PDB file of all heavy atoms in Angstrom:
ATOM      1  N   GLY A   1     -78.539 144.049  22.217  1.00  0.00           N
ATOM      2  CA  GLY A   1     -78.663 145.502  22.230  1.00  0.00           C
ATOM      3  C   GLY A   1     -79.706 145.945  21.220  1.00  0.00           C
ATOM      4  O   GLY A   1     -79.680 145.524  20.064  1.00  0.00           O
ATOM      5  N   ARG A   2     -80.657 146.805  21.666  1.00  0.00           N
ATOM      6  CA  ARG A   2     -81.737 147.168  20.776  1.00  0.00           C
ATOM      7  C   ARG A   2     -81.755 148.654  20.427  1.00  0.00           C
ATOM      8  O   ARG A   2     -81.658 149.036  19.290  1.00  0.00           O
ATOM      9  CB  ARG A   2     -83.099 146.774  21.401  1.00  0.00           C
ATOM     10  CG  ARG A   2     -83.318 145.293  21.540  1.00  0.00           C
ATOM     11  CD  ARG A   2     -83.784 144.555  20.298  1.00  0.00           C
ATOM     12  NE  ARG A   2     -83.459 145.077  19.026  1.00  0.00           N
ATOM     13  CZ  ARG A   2     -82.381 144.740  18.320  1.00  0.00           C
ATOM     14  NH1 ARG A   2     -81.503 143.906  18.795  1.00  0.00           N
ATOM     15  NH2 ARG A   2     -82.172 145.242  17.131  1.00  0.00           N
ATOM     16  N   TYR A   3     -81.911 149.521  21.404  1.00  0.00           N
ATOM     17  CA  TYR A   3     -82.081 150.946  21.113  1.00  0.00           C
ATOM     18  C   TYR A   3     -81.180 151.765  22.034  1.00  0.00           C
ATOM     19  O   TYR A   3     -80.855 151.352  23.147  1.00  0.00           O
ATOM     20  CB  TYR A   3     -83.540 151.367  21.305  1.00  0.00           C
ATOM     21  CG  TYR A   3     -84.514 150.543  20.511  1.00  0.00           C
ATOM     22  CD1 TYR A   3     -85.349 149.625  21.142  1.00  0.00           C
ATOM     23  CD2 TYR A   3     -84.581 150.656  19.119  1.00  0.00           C
ATOM     24  CE1 TYR A   3     -86.237 148.841  20.417  1.00  0.00           C
ATOM     25  CE2 TYR A   3     -85.458 149.878  18.384  1.00  0.00           C
ATOM     26  CZ  TYR A   3     -86.287 148.974  19.035  1.00  0.00           C
ATOM     27  OH  TYR A   3     -87.150 148.199  18.308  1.00  0.00           O
ATOM     28  N   TRP A   4     -80.847 152.953  21.541  1.00  0.00           N
ATOM     29  CA  TRP A   4     -80.024 153.841  22.356  1.00  0.00           C
ATOM     30  C   TRP A   4     -80.329 155.272  21.961  1.00  0.00           C
ATOM     31  O   TRP A   4     -80.901 155.543  20.894  1.00  0.00           O
ATOM     32  CB  TRP A   4     -78.535 153.526  22.151  1.00  0.00           C
ATOM     33  CG  TRP A   4     -77.749 154.638  21.511  1.00  0.00           C
ATOM     34  CD1 TRP A   4     -77.729 154.994  20.189  1.00  0.00           C
ATOM     35  CD2 TRP A   4     -76.906 155.583  22.185  1.00  0.00           C
ATOM     36  NE1 TRP A   4     -76.905 156.072  19.995  1.00  0.00           N
ATOM     37  CE2 TRP A   4     -76.395 156.452  21.199  1.00  0.00           C
ATOM     38  CE3 TRP A   4     -76.537 155.761  23.517  1.00  0.00           C
ATOM     39  CZ2 TRP A   4     -75.528 157.490  21.504  1.00  0.00           C
ATOM     40  CZ3 TRP A   4     -75.680 156.794  23.818  1.00  0.00           C
ATOM     41  CH2 TRP A   4     -75.182 157.647  22.823  1.00  0.00           C
ATOM     42  N   GLY A   5     -79.950 156.196  22.829  1.00  0.00           N
ATOM     43  CA  GLY A   5     -80.086 157.611  22.505  1.00  0.00           C
ATOM     44  C   GLY A   5     -79.461 158.454  23.597  1.00  0.00           C
ATOM     45  O   GLY A   5     -79.046 157.952  24.654  1.00  0.00           O
ATOM     46  N   CYS A   6     -79.377 159.760  23.358  1.00  0.00           N
ATOM     47  CA  CYS A   6     -78.776 160.657  24.339  1.00  0.00           C
ATOM     48  C   CYS A   6     -79.346 162.060  24.162  1.00  0.00           C
ATOM     49  O   CYS A   6     -79.901 162.399  23.112  1.00  0.00           O
ATOM     50  CB  CYS A   6     -77.255 160.687  24.201  1.00  0.00           C
ATOM     51  SG  CYS A   6     -76.676 161.357  22.616  1.00  0.00           S
ATOM     52  N   THR A   7     -79.214 162.848  25.200  1.00  0.00           N
ATOM     53  CA  THR A   7     -79.589 164.258  25.130  1.00  0.00           C
ATOM     54  C   THR A   7     -78.368 165.157  25.234  1.00  0.00           C
ATOM     55  O   THR A   7     -78.478 166.373  25.084  1.00  0.00           O
ATOM     56  CB  THR A   7     -80.575 164.625  26.250  1.00  0.00           C
ATOM     57  OG1 THR A   7     -80.034 164.216  27.512  1.00  0.00           O
ATOM     58  CG2 THR A   7     -81.908 163.934  26.022  1.00  0.00           C
ATOM     59  N   GLU A   8     -77.229 164.540  25.505  1.00  0.00           N
ATOM     60  CA  GLU A   8     -75.976 165.294  25.591  1.00  0.00           C
ATOM     61  C   GLU A   8     -74.899 164.493  24.881  1.00  0.00           C
ATOM     62  O   GLU A   8     -74.610 163.356  25.265  1.00  0.00           O
ATOM     63  CB  GLU A   8     -75.593 165.522  27.053  1.00  0.00           C
ATOM     64  CG  GLU A   8     -74.354 166.375  27.239  1.00  0.00           C
ATOM     65  CD  GLU A   8     -74.055 166.636  28.707  1.00  0.00           C
ATOM     66  OE1 GLU A   8     -75.023 166.783  29.488  1.00  0.00           O
ATOM     67  OE2 GLU A   8     -72.865 166.682  29.061  1.00  0.00           O
ATOM     68  N   HIS A   9     -74.351 165.033  23.835  1.00  0.00           N
ATOM     69  CA  HIS A   9     -73.372 164.308  23.027  1.00  0.00           C
ATOM     70  C   HIS A   9     -71.973 164.477  23.618  1.00  0.00           C
ATOM     71  O   HIS A   9     -71.500 165.595  23.822  1.00  0.00           O
ATOM     72  CB  HIS A   9     -73.407 164.796  21.581  1.00  0.00           C
ATOM     73  CG  HIS A   9     -74.714 164.532  20.896  1.00  0.00           C
ATOM     74  ND1 HIS A   9     -75.017 163.324  20.306  1.00  0.00           N
ATOM     75  CD2 HIS A   9     -75.813 165.308  20.748  1.00  0.00           C
ATOM     76  CE1 HIS A   9     -76.242 163.367  19.807  1.00  0.00           C
ATOM     77  NE2 HIS A   9     -76.745 164.564  20.061  1.00  0.00           N
ATOM     78  N   ARG A  10     -71.349 163.349  23.898  1.00  0.00           N
ATOM     79  CA  ARG A  10     -69.984 163.340  24.413  1.00  0.00           C
ATOM     80  C   ARG A  10     -69.159 162.338  23.622  1.00  0.00           C
ATOM     81  O   ARG A  10     -69.699 161.348  23.116  1.00  0.00           O
ATOM     82  CB  ARG A  10     -69.970 162.952  25.895  1.00  0.00           C
ATOM     83  CG  ARG A  10     -70.682 163.939  26.811  1.00  0.00           C
ATOM     84  CD  ARG A  10     -70.329 163.664  28.251  1.00  0.00           C
ATOM     85  NE  ARG A  10     -71.036 164.542  29.162  1.00  0.00           N
ATOM     86  CZ  ARG A  10     -70.756 164.628  30.459  1.00  0.00           C
ATOM     87  NH1 ARG A  10     -69.786 163.869  30.980  1.00  0.00           N
ATOM     88  NH2 ARG A  10     -71.441 165.439  31.239  1.00  0.00           N
ATOM     89  N   PRO A  11     -67.861 162.544  23.535  1.00  0.00           N
ATOM     90  CA  PRO A  11     -67.022 161.616  22.773  1.00  0.00           C
ATOM     91  C   PRO A  11     -67.109 160.195  23.314  1.00  0.00           C
ATOM     92  O   PRO A  11     -67.043 159.974  24.528  1.00  0.00           O
ATOM     93  CB  PRO A  11     -65.606 162.198  22.965  1.00  0.00           C
ATOM     94  CG  PRO A  11     -65.814 163.640  23.293  1.00  0.00           C
ATOM     95  CD  PRO A  11     -67.101 163.693  24.059  1.00  0.00           C
ATOM     96  N   MET A  12     -67.280 159.266  22.432  1.00  0.00           N
ATOM     97  CA  MET A  12     -67.269 157.829  22.723  1.00  0.00           C
ATOM     98  C   MET A  12     -68.421 157.370  23.613  1.00  0.00           C
ATOM     99  O   MET A  12     -68.446 156.219  24.046  1.00  0.00           O
ATOM    100  CB  MET A  12     -65.936 157.398  23.384  1.00  0.00           C
ATOM    101  CG  MET A  12     -64.706 157.893  22.674  1.00  0.00           C
ATOM    102  SD  MET A  12     -64.655 157.342  20.948  1.00  0.00           S
ATOM    103  CE  MET A  12     -63.269 158.288  20.316  1.00  0.00           C
ATOM    104  N   LEU A  13     -69.392 158.220  23.886  1.00  0.00           N
ATOM    105  CA  LEU A  13     -70.470 157.847  24.795  1.00  0.00           C
ATOM    106  C   LEU A  13     -71.312 156.708  24.230  1.00  0.00           C
ATOM    107  O   LEU A  13     -71.745 155.817  24.964  1.00  0.00           O
ATOM    108  CB  LEU A  13     -71.351 159.064  25.090  1.00  0.00           C
ATOM    109  CG  LEU A  13     -72.481 158.861  26.112  1.00  0.00           C
ATOM    110  CD1 LEU A  13     -71.927 158.359  27.446  1.00  0.00           C
ATOM    111  CD2 LEU A  13     -73.255 160.162  26.309  1.00  0.00           C
ATOM    112  N   HIS A  14     -71.540 156.713  22.923  1.00  0.00           N
ATOM    113  CA  HIS A  14     -72.299 155.636  22.289  1.00  0.00           C
ATOM    114  C   HIS A  14     -71.597 154.298  22.448  1.00  0.00           C
ATOM    115  O   HIS A  14     -72.213 153.288  22.813  1.00  0.00           O
ATOM    116  CB  HIS A  14     -72.485 155.958  20.799  1.00  0.00           C
ATOM    117  CG  HIS A  14     -73.144 154.863  20.028  1.00  0.00           C
ATOM    118  ND1 HIS A  14     -72.649 154.404  18.823  1.00  0.00           N
ATOM    119  CD2 HIS A  14     -74.244 154.112  20.282  1.00  0.00           C
ATOM    120  CE1 HIS A  14     -73.429 153.435  18.367  1.00  0.00           C
ATOM    121  NE2 HIS A  14     -74.390 153.235  19.225  1.00  0.00           N
ATOM    122  N   PHE A  15     -70.287 154.283  22.202  1.00  0.00           N
ATOM    123  CA  PHE A  15     -69.542 153.029  22.313  1.00  0.00           C
ATOM    124  C   PHE A  15     -69.584 152.493  23.740  1.00  0.00           C
ATOM    125  O   PHE A  15     -69.751 151.292  23.966  1.00  0.00           O
ATOM    126  CB  PHE A  15     -68.083 153.225  21.887  1.00  0.00           C
ATOM    127  CG  PHE A  15     -67.927 153.697  20.471  1.00  0.00           C
ATOM    128  CD1 PHE A  15     -66.861 154.516  20.117  1.00  0.00           C
ATOM    129  CD2 PHE A  15     -68.825 153.340  19.488  1.00  0.00           C
ATOM    130  CE1 PHE A  15     -66.700 154.957  18.819  1.00  0.00           C
ATOM    131  CE2 PHE A  15     -68.681 153.775  18.179  1.00  0.00           C
ATOM    132  CZ  PHE A  15     -67.608 154.589  17.844  1.00  0.00           C
ATOM    133  N   GLU A  16     -69.428 153.383  24.711  1.00  0.00           N
ATOM    134  CA  GLU A  16     -69.432 152.945  26.104  1.00  0.00           C
ATOM    135  C   GLU A  16     -70.798 152.422  26.532  1.00  0.00           C
ATOM    136  O   GLU A  16     -70.913 151.332  27.111  1.00  0.00           O
ATOM    137  CB  GLU A  16     -69.012 154.103  27.013  1.00  0.00           C
ATOM    138  CG  GLU A  16     -69.044 153.779  28.499  1.00  0.00           C
ATOM    139  CD  GLU A  16     -68.021 152.732  28.901  1.00  0.00           C
ATOM    140  OE1 GLU A  16     -66.973 152.638  28.235  1.00  0.00           O
ATOM    141  OE2 GLU A  16     -68.281 151.983  29.865  1.00  0.00           O
ATOM    142  N   THR A  17     -71.848 153.192  26.229  1.00  0.00           N
ATOM    143  CA  THR A  17     -73.183 152.849  26.705  1.00  0.00           C
ATOM    144  C   THR A  17     -73.704 151.572  26.052  1.00  0.00           C
ATOM    145  O   THR A  17     -74.329 150.732  26.713  1.00  0.00           O
ATOM    146  CB  THR A  17     -74.160 154.004  26.440  1.00  0.00           C
ATOM    147  OG1 THR A  17     -73.609 155.219  26.963  1.00  0.00           O
ATOM    148  CG2 THR A  17     -75.508 153.753  27.090  1.00  0.00           C
ATOM    149  N   CYS A  18     -73.452 151.432  24.765  1.00  0.00           N
ATOM    150  CA  CYS A  18     -74.026 150.309  24.013  1.00  0.00           C
ATOM    151  C   CYS A  18     -73.124 149.081  23.941  1.00  0.00           C
ATOM    152  O   CYS A  18     -73.617 147.949  24.026  1.00  0.00           O
ATOM    153  CB  CYS A  18     -74.366 150.755  22.594  1.00  0.00           C
ATOM    154  SG  CYS A  18     -75.630 152.017  22.509  1.00  0.00           S
ATOM    155  N   TYR A  19     -71.822 149.274  23.784  1.00  0.00           N
ATOM    156  CA  TYR A  19     -70.930 148.153  23.517  1.00  0.00           C
ATOM    157  C   TYR A  19     -70.156 147.701  24.744  1.00  0.00           C
ATOM    158  O   TYR A  19     -70.192 146.534  25.127  1.00  0.00           O
ATOM    159  CB  TYR A  19     -69.961 148.500  22.391  1.00  0.00           C
ATOM    160  CG  TYR A  19     -70.631 148.979  21.126  1.00  0.00           C
ATOM    161  CD1 TYR A  19     -70.009 149.875  20.265  1.00  0.00           C
ATOM    162  CD2 TYR A  19     -71.914 148.545  20.785  1.00  0.00           C
ATOM    163  CE1 TYR A  19     -70.631 150.314  19.107  1.00  0.00           C
ATOM    164  CE2 TYR A  19     -72.541 148.976  19.634  1.00  0.00           C
ATOM    165  CZ  TYR A  19     -71.893 149.870  18.797  1.00  0.00           C
ATOM    166  OH  TYR A  19     -72.517 150.307  17.649  1.00  0.00           O
ATOM    167  N   TYR A  20     -69.437 148.616  25.383  1.00  0.00           N
ATOM    168  CA  TYR A  20     -68.581 148.214  26.491  1.00  0.00           C
ATOM    169  C   TYR A  20     -69.379 147.865  27.744  1.00  0.00           C
ATOM    170  O   TYR A  20     -69.049 146.901  28.444  1.00  0.00           O
ATOM    171  CB  TYR A  20     -67.550 149.307  26.780  1.00  0.00           C
ATOM    172  CG  TYR A  20     -66.677 149.639  25.593  1.00  0.00           C
ATOM    173  CD1 TYR A  20     -66.274 150.944  25.340  1.00  0.00           C
ATOM    174  CD2 TYR A  20     -66.251 148.641  24.713  1.00  0.00           C
ATOM    175  CE1 TYR A  20     -65.474 151.265  24.258  1.00  0.00           C
ATOM    176  CE2 TYR A  20     -65.454 148.951  23.623  1.00  0.00           C
ATOM    177  CZ  TYR A  20     -65.071 150.265  23.392  1.00  0.00           C
ATOM    178  OH  TYR A  20     -64.280 150.569  22.305  1.00  0.00           O
ATOM    179  N   GLN A  21     -70.427 148.634  28.036  1.00  0.00           N
ATOM    180  CA  GLN A  21     -71.255 148.279  29.175  1.00  0.00           C
ATOM    181  C   GLN A  21     -71.956 146.937  28.946  1.00  0.00           C
ATOM    182  O   GLN A  21     -72.158 146.160  29.883  1.00  0.00           O
ATOM    183  CB  GLN A  21     -72.295 149.374  29.432  1.00  0.00           C
ATOM    184  CG  GLN A  21     -71.713 150.677  29.971  1.00  0.00           C
ATOM    185  CD  GLN A  21     -71.209 150.549  31.396  1.00  0.00           C
ATOM    186  OE1 GLN A  21     -71.829 149.901  32.227  1.00  0.00           O
ATOM    187  NE2 GLN A  21     -70.066 151.179  31.679  1.00  0.00           N
ATOM    188  N   ALA A  22     -72.323 146.665  27.697  1.00  0.00           N
ATOM    189  CA  ALA A  22     -72.936 145.365  27.375  1.00  0.00           C
ATOM    190  C   ALA A  22     -71.946 144.229  27.606  1.00  0.00           C
ATOM    191  O   ALA A  22     -72.312 143.165  28.129  1.00  0.00           O
ATOM    192  CB  ALA A  22     -73.424 145.373  25.936  1.00  0.00           C
ATOM    193  N   ILE A  23     -70.688 144.438  27.218  1.00  0.00           N
ATOM    194  CA  ILE A  23     -69.667 143.414  27.457  1.00  0.00           C
ATOM    195  C   ILE A  23     -69.469 143.207  28.955  1.00  0.00           C
ATOM    196  O   ILE A  23     -69.368 142.069  29.434  1.00  0.00           O
ATOM    197  CB  ILE A  23     -68.349 143.816  26.760  1.00  0.00           C
ATOM    198  CG1 ILE A  23     -68.508 143.739  25.238  1.00  0.00           C
ATOM    199  CG2 ILE A  23     -67.208 142.917  27.225  1.00  0.00           C
ATOM    200  CD1 ILE A  23     -67.312 144.265  24.470  1.00  0.00           C
ATOM    201  N   ASP A  24     -69.409 144.301  29.707  1.00  0.00           N
ATOM    202  CA  ASP A  24     -69.292 144.189  31.162  1.00  0.00           C
ATOM    203  C   ASP A  24     -70.403 143.320  31.735  1.00  0.00           C
ATOM    204  O   ASP A  24     -70.162 142.436  32.570  1.00  0.00           O
ATOM    205  CB  ASP A  24     -69.364 145.584  31.804  1.00  0.00           C
ATOM    206  CG  ASP A  24     -68.048 146.335  31.755  1.00  0.00           C
ATOM    207  OD1 ASP A  24     -67.002 145.686  31.624  1.00  0.00           O
ATOM    208  OD2 ASP A  24     -68.068 147.574  31.851  1.00  0.00           O
ATOM    209  N   TYR A  25     -71.639 143.586  31.299  1.00  0.00           N
ATOM    210  CA  TYR A  25     -72.781 142.836  31.824  1.00  0.00           C
ATOM    211  C   TYR A  25     -72.704 141.366  31.415  1.00  0.00           C
ATOM    212  O   TYR A  25     -72.969 140.471  32.232  1.00  0.00           O
ATOM    213  CB  TYR A  25     -74.092 143.453  31.325  1.00  0.00           C
ATOM    214  CG  TYR A  25     -75.319 142.831  31.957  1.00  0.00           C
ATOM    215  CD1 TYR A  25     -75.847 143.335  33.133  1.00  0.00           C
ATOM    216  CD2 TYR A  25     -75.934 141.719  31.378  1.00  0.00           C
ATOM    217  CE1 TYR A  25     -76.965 142.748  33.737  1.00  0.00           C
ATOM    218  CE2 TYR A  25     -77.042 141.132  31.967  1.00  0.00           C
ATOM    219  CZ  TYR A  25     -77.555 141.655  33.141  1.00  0.00           C
ATOM    220  OH  TYR A  25     -78.647 141.053  33.726  1.00  0.00           O
ATOM    221  N   ALA A  26     -72.359 141.108  30.158  1.00  0.00           N
ATOM    222  CA  ALA A  26     -72.288 139.727  29.674  1.00  0.00           C
ATOM    223  C   ALA A  26     -71.248 138.935  30.449  1.00  0.00           C
ATOM    224  O   ALA A  26     -71.486 137.773  30.826  1.00  0.00           O
ATOM    225  CB  ALA A  26     -71.981 139.712  28.181  1.00  0.00           C
ATOM    226  N   ILE A  27     -70.103 139.530  30.701  1.00  0.00           N
ATOM    227  CA  ILE A  27     -69.058 138.833  31.454  1.00  0.00           C
ATOM    228  C   ILE A  27     -69.534 138.554  32.880  1.00  0.00           C
ATOM    229  O   ILE A  27     -69.377 137.446  33.406  1.00  0.00           O
ATOM    230  CB  ILE A  27     -67.758 139.649  31.454  1.00  0.00           C
ATOM    231  CG1 ILE A  27     -67.157 139.695  30.040  1.00  0.00           C
ATOM    232  CG2 ILE A  27     -66.746 139.066  32.440  1.00  0.00           C
ATOM    233  CD1 ILE A  27     -65.964 140.621  29.900  1.00  0.00           C
ATOM    234  N   ALA A  28     -70.126 139.553  33.512  1.00  0.00           N
ATOM    235  CA  ALA A  28     -70.562 139.411  34.905  1.00  0.00           C
ATOM    236  C   ALA A  28     -71.665 138.375  35.055  1.00  0.00           C
ATOM    237  O   ALA A  28     -71.806 137.770  36.130  1.00  0.00           O
ATOM    238  CB  ALA A  28     -71.027 140.761  35.441  1.00  0.00           C
ATOM    239  N   HIS A  29     -72.447 138.159  34.001  1.00  0.00           N
ATOM    240  CA  HIS A  29     -73.587 137.252  34.096  1.00  0.00           C
ATOM    241  C   HIS A  29     -73.421 135.997  33.225  1.00  0.00           C
ATOM    242  O   HIS A  29     -74.407 135.309  32.920  1.00  0.00           O
ATOM    243  CB  HIS A  29     -74.876 137.994  33.727  1.00  0.00           C
ATOM    244  CG  HIS A  29     -75.228 139.069  34.709  1.00  0.00           C
ATOM    245  ND1 HIS A  29     -74.665 140.330  34.651  1.00  0.00           N
ATOM    246  CD2 HIS A  29     -76.056 139.072  35.782  1.00  0.00           C
ATOM    247  CE1 HIS A  29     -75.151 141.061  35.638  1.00  0.00           C
ATOM    248  NE2 HIS A  29     -75.980 140.330  36.334  1.00  0.00           N
ATOM    249  N   ASP A  30     -72.190 135.711  32.825  1.00  0.00           N
ATOM    250  CA  ASP A  30     -71.859 134.474  32.100  1.00  0.00           C
ATOM    251  C   ASP A  30     -72.684 134.296  30.835  1.00  0.00           C
ATOM    252  O   ASP A  30     -73.118 133.180  30.502  1.00  0.00           O
ATOM    253  CB  ASP A  30     -72.040 133.250  33.009  1.00  0.00           C
ATOM    254  CG  ASP A  30     -71.060 133.239  34.171  1.00  0.00           C
ATOM    255  OD1 ASP A  30     -69.899 133.630  33.959  1.00  0.00           O
ATOM    256  OD2 ASP A  30     -71.459 132.859  35.284  1.00  0.00           O
ATOM    257  N   LEU A  31     -72.913 135.374  30.116  1.00  0.00           N
ATOM    258  CA  LEU A  31     -73.579 135.289  28.821  1.00  0.00           C
ATOM    259  C   LEU A  31     -72.523 135.078  27.740  1.00  0.00           C
ATOM    260  O   LEU A  31     -71.429 135.650  27.780  1.00  0.00           O
ATOM    261  CB  LEU A  31     -74.383 136.556  28.545  1.00  0.00           C
ATOM    262  CG  LEU A  31     -75.547 136.820  29.508  1.00  0.00           C
ATOM    263  CD1 LEU A  31     -76.203 138.168  29.192  1.00  0.00           C
ATOM    264  CD2 LEU A  31     -76.573 135.700  29.434  1.00  0.00           C
TER     265      LEU A  31
END
């Protein structure tokens, strides 16, 4: 994970976009 940002601030959006979605991708692609 390198960079992130948003134009609309929502609760937990940073955690979802950067951390949980990354875990989803890693699991799906055997990383």
